[in-house]
Amino acid sequence: MKIAVTGAAGYIGSQLVPYLKSTHEVFASDILPDKGATACAVVDVLDSDSTDSFCAGMDAVVHLASFQKLKT
């Protein structure tokens, strides 16, 4: 099964992705560059074209991304 995971570099996503990878083909994404062990594609879930392209052909989507203002 192909599974897309948004927010994969976050607290829950970083725990879930390795678990899912043991039995599924997982495509992880996050808006921020990956700082941990989870390799992520950079996908902005607020951009429908980017999200549609990322999720095309997936059997399931686990949406964990949230909108949060980043401190600069």
Protein backbone atom coordinates (compact mmCIF):
# COMPACT_ATOMS: atom_id res chain seq x y z
CA MET A 1 0.00 0.00 0.00
CA LYS A 2 1.28 3.50 -0.88
CA ILE A 3 0.76 5.96 1.99
CA ALA A 4 1.41 9.72 1.91
CA VAL A 5 2.11 11.35 5.27
CA THR A 6 2.01 15.13 5.68
CA GLY A 7 3.69 16.68 8.70
CA ALA A 8 6.10 13.75 8.79
CA ALA A 9 8.89 15.67 10.56
CA GLY A 10 6.65 16.61 13.48
CA TYR A 11 6.31 14.81 16.79
CA ILE A 12 3.65 12.28 15.72
CA GLY A 13 4.81 11.95 12.12
CA SER A 14 8.39 11.21 13.12
CA GLN A 15 7.12 8.29 15.21
CA LEU A 16 4.51 7.05 12.72
CA VAL A 17 6.56 7.04 9.50
CA PRO A 18 9.17 4.46 10.63
CA TYR A 19 6.37 2.23 11.92
CA LEU A 20 4.45 2.41 8.63
CA LYS A 21 7.61 1.82 6.59
CA SER A 22 7.93 -1.66 8.06
CA THR A 23 4.91 -2.85 6.05
CA HIS A 24 4.06 -0.13 3.49
CA GLU A 25 5.59 2.14 0.88
CA VAL A 26 5.58 5.52 2.63
CA PHE A 27 5.98 8.97 1.07
CA ALA A 28 6.72 11.51 3.81
CA SER A 29 6.38 15.27 3.47
CA ASP A 30 6.79 18.39 5.57
CA ILE A 31 7.10 22.12 4.89
CA LEU A 32 10.29 22.32 6.95
CA PRO A 33 13.56 20.62 6.04
CA ASP A 34 14.00 17.35 7.87
CA LYS A 35 15.97 17.55 11.11
CA GLY A 36 15.55 13.92 12.15
CA ALA A 37 15.68 10.42 10.75
CA THR A 38 12.55 10.80 8.59
CA ALA A 39 13.42 11.69 4.98
CA CYS A 40 10.83 14.17 3.75
CA ALA A 41 9.80 15.82 0.53
CA VAL A 42 9.04 19.52 0.95
CA VAL A 43 5.31 19.97 0.32
CA ASP A 44 3.23 23.02 1.24
CA VAL A 45 -0.24 21.67 2.09
CA LEU A 46 -1.64 25.20 1.63
CA ASP A 47 -0.73 24.94 -2.07
CA SER A 48 -3.33 22.69 -3.70
CA ASP A 49 -1.21 21.95 -6.79
CA SER A 50 1.72 20.83 -4.64
CA THR A 51 -0.52 18.69 -2.45
CA ASP A 52 -2.38 17.16 -5.41
CA SER A 53 0.91 16.20 -7.07
CA PHE A 54 2.26 14.66 -3.87
CA CYS A 55 -0.89 12.64 -3.15
CA ALA A 56 -1.50 11.44 -6.71
CA GLY A 57 -1.50 7.65 -6.92
CA MET A 58 -1.59 7.08 -3.16
CA ASP A 59 -3.85 4.49 -1.55
CA ALA A 60 -4.11 6.46 1.70
CA VAL A 61 -3.14 9.85 3.12
CA VAL A 62 -2.33 10.51 6.77
CA HIS A 63 -2.66 14.28 7.27
CA LEU A 64 -0.71 15.46 10.31
CA ALA A 65 0.39 18.89 9.05
CA SER A 66 -0.85 22.00 10.78
CA PHE A 67 -0.58 25.68 10.04
CA GLN A 68 1.63 27.56 12.43
CA LYS A 69 3.36 30.90 12.12
CA LEU A 70 7.08 30.40 12.19
CA LYS A 71 9.24 32.68 14.30
CA THR A 72 11.81 34.47 12.17
